[in-house]
């Protein structure tokens, strides 16, 4: 995926559960491969929750953004036709 504003390649790491600083290492590895190919890149981590120590890893990896998500399901009765 490429960022439409900057043209950078974007590595997206989607985590189902809580994420840790190990996730930063994983996304950094993918980003490093792209940079070795001469492609400008940034990373995005998306998780339901983040461990506190994640912020320490992010201090030295400036090209990684982190977002959390929430899922809210609503049920509606199906009455057929």
Protein backbone atom coordinates (compact mmCIF):
# COMPACT_ATOMS: atom_id res chain seq x y z
CA UNK A 1 0.00 0.00 0.00
CA UNK A 2 1.21 3.55 -0.69
CA UNK A 3 0.36 6.73 1.17
CA UNK A 4 -1.45 8.99 -1.31
CA UNK A 5 -0.08 12.15 0.31
CA UNK A 6 3.61 11.24 0.61
CA UNK A 7 4.08 8.38 -1.87
CA UNK A 8 5.67 6.27 0.87
CA UNK A 9 5.04 2.56 1.02
CA UNK A 10 3.03 1.66 4.11
CA UNK A 11 3.54 -1.52 6.11
CA UNK A 12 0.39 -2.30 8.12
CA UNK A 13 0.56 -4.72 11.02
CA UNK A 14 -2.92 -5.65 12.28
CA UNK A 15 -3.02 -7.40 15.64
CA UNK A 16 -6.08 -9.19 16.93
CA UNK A 17 -5.09 -8.90 20.58
CA UNK A 18 -2.80 -6.72 22.65
CA UNK A 19 0.42 -5.64 20.97
CA UNK A 20 3.85 -5.33 22.52
CA UNK A 21 7.22 -3.87 21.67
CA UNK A 22 7.99 -7.10 19.76
CA UNK A 23 5.46 -5.91 17.19
CA UNK A 24 7.64 -2.84 16.55
CA UNK A 25 10.51 -5.19 15.74
CA UNK A 26 8.34 -7.12 13.31
CA UNK A 27 7.08 -4.06 11.44
CA UNK A 28 10.62 -2.60 11.43
CA UNK A 29 11.91 -5.73 9.71
CA UNK A 30 9.36 -5.38 6.89
CA UNK A 31 10.10 -1.65 6.61
CA UNK A 32 13.84 -2.36 6.50
CA UNK A 33 13.38 -4.74 3.59
CA UNK A 34 11.50 -2.07 1.62
CA UNK A 35 14.13 0.58 2.44
CA UNK A 36 16.84 -1.80 1.22
CA UNK A 37 14.98 -1.83 -2.11
CA UNK A 38 15.22 1.98 -2.20
CA UNK A 39 11.55 2.46 -1.37
CA UNK A 40 10.59 5.11 1.20
CA UNK A 41 8.38 3.54 3.84
CA UNK A 42 6.47 4.01 7.07
CA UNK A 43 4.72 1.57 9.38
CA UNK A 44 1.31 1.45 10.99
CA UNK A 45 0.40 -0.87 13.86
CA UNK A 46 -3.29 -1.41 14.55
CA UNK A 47 -4.28 -3.33 17.69
CA UNK A 48 -7.12 -3.67 20.16
CA UNK A 49 -4.80 -2.70 23.04
CA UNK A 50 -1.14 -1.85 23.59
CA UNK A 51 1.27 -2.74 26.36
CA UNK A 52 2.91 0.16 28.18
CA UNK A 53 6.43 -0.78 27.07
CA UNK A 54 5.45 -0.23 23.43
CA UNK A 55 5.99 3.51 23.86
CA UNK A 56 9.69 2.99 24.66
CA UNK A 57 10.26 1.15 21.40
CA UNK A 58 8.42 3.81 19.43
CA UNK A 59 10.75 6.54 20.73
CA UNK A 60 13.55 5.19 18.50
CA UNK A 61 11.41 4.20 15.51
CA UNK A 62 9.91 7.51 14.36
CA UNK A 63 8.33 6.20 11.14
CA UNK A 64 5.83 3.94 12.95
CA UNK A 65 2.34 5.06 13.97
CA UNK A 66 0.08 3.12 16.35
CA UNK A 67 -3.71 3.06 16.43
CA UNK A 68 -6.12 1.10 18.60
CA UNK A 69 -9.50 -0.13 17.52
CA UNK A 70 -12.79 -1.10 19.11
CA UNK A 71 -15.40 -3.40 17.68
CA UNK A 72 -19.05 -2.78 18.44
CA UNK A 73 -21.55 -5.32 17.13
CA UNK A 74 -25.27 -4.75 17.03
CA UNK A 75 -27.72 -7.56 16.42
CA UNK A 76 -30.95 -7.12 14.52
CA UNK A 77 -33.55 -9.84 14.30
CA UNK A 78 -33.97 -11.31 10.84
CA UNK A 79 -37.66 -11.82 10.09
CA UNK A 80 -37.40 -13.26 6.59
CA UNK A 81 -39.81 -12.43 3.80
